[in-house]
Amino acid sequence: MKILYLDCGMGAAGDMLAGALLELLPDPDAFVQELNALGIPGVSFRRETAEKCGIRGTHLSVTVHGEEEESIDCGPGHAHMHDHDHGHVHEHDHDHAHAHSHGHEHGHHHHSSLHDIEHIVCGHLPIPERVKQQVMAVYRLIAEAESHAHGVPVTEIHFHEVGTLDAVADITAVCLLMDRLSPDEVVASPVHVGSGQVKCAHGILPVPAPATAYILRDVPIYGGSIRGELCTPTGAALLRHFVTRFGDMPPMRTQAIGYGMGKKDFAAANCVRAMLGEDAGQGGDRVWMLACNVDDMTAEAVGFAMERLFDCGALDVYTVPIGMKKSRPGTMLCVLCRPEAKDAMLDCLFRYTTTIGVRELALQRHVLDRRVTTLDTPYGPVRRKEVRGRGAERYKYEYEDLARIAREKGVSLAEAASLIDRQS
């Protein structure tokens, strides 16, 4: 199983994640050429070598119409509502080197809504459809967080042009890199968010900024002595979307290591480290268990939902009878799936059951080696499932083949199995 581990000991930002993942590719310069060929309006990518505390890494520079975004407000592209004043000063201690100020009247600078961003991404970028959906899913996380922070609908959130295209470029680059690397599981360390305060269009805000804090809810985060905004909303949204679980680095055989550098200098190396390798666990693999409780579905409806979950790639689906509130009998529906299938399983659970909430739990699964062989018998071909490992060895005939023989011979399933055993 291919594992990607992200060390976020100095937070995360879009350009830092992109730089770290870029170093995992065998030919990063060719990938940068691909990014420049996308035709994001006015955007140019450049790979730069950077050094922090003696460590060499990559910074992926993005310019928009020859201008590099110098700071980040409390969201990508400086999110704002139309009725806010547009003169403001920013200070940011992470991706961007120094504070800047600019004032402009509404109408002298283009602003983009989420619909405009979707038009750029889904209507014009020559990237696979699956990557387009990833980009928009990340951007919706950011827009939702800005909406919550400002207390207005998502439709009223708009972004300044340069910052918007800068964020679209970073997010698109990371989504394309993740698609290219295709890890089976993404694990990240707890996220260092920084400390202190940050200035943005709406005044002085605490670190992490409200949008970042909202995106990272239920994610392990911490502050520390470094003053500054270490995790940006864009970085937080990318982590939230792609990371399977947060925690310690799992046992893995590392094959490639990448360092994505920020621009600011701190006492600690300002970088995201990405490590790509194979699972080195003791014969186990990582799976997710998803579970929900229902008390208003018929047995047929539950059975249909189980069929659809298997069709969508579930490893196992089972039910447990439970007692629910007000002494109502109910059913707990449990699904085991691989990390890459979790989203599809969630969609199935919400679509084919009446549940309004699903619990999730990451599990380590240990399995025996399995294979299916076909035996030639006087009763026709019979498939046999065989398992071996950890001192165990056993087999089982495929039910459909066994039942066919039992019906033809007018015997029980056990007797049909005995007939096959005598011929083996």
Foldseek 3Di string as FASTA:
>chain_A
DKEKEKEQPLAFDLQQLLFFLLQQDPDSVVVQVVLQVQCLAQKHWDWDWDDAPRDIAIGIFIFGVNHGDAADFQAQQAKDFPPAAAWFKWAFQWQHAGIDTDHDDPPPFDKAALVRLLCSLVVRTPDDPVLSVQLSQLVVLLLVQVCVQVVHDSRRIIGTDRRSSVLSSSSSSSSVSCVVLVGLAYEYEAHAQEFDWIQHSVGIATTPHSSLCVLCVVTRYDYDDGHGGRYHSSGSSVCSRGHLYYHDDAAWDWDGKHWRQGDHHDPDGNTMMMTMGGHPDDQKDKKKKKKFKDQPDDPVLVVVLQVVLVVLAWPDKDWDWDADPPRGIIIMIMTIHGSVSVVVNVVSCVVSHVTPDMDMDMDIGHAFDKDWDWDQDPLGIWIKIWTDDPPDTDIDTDPVSLVVQCVVVVHDSVVSVVRVVVRD
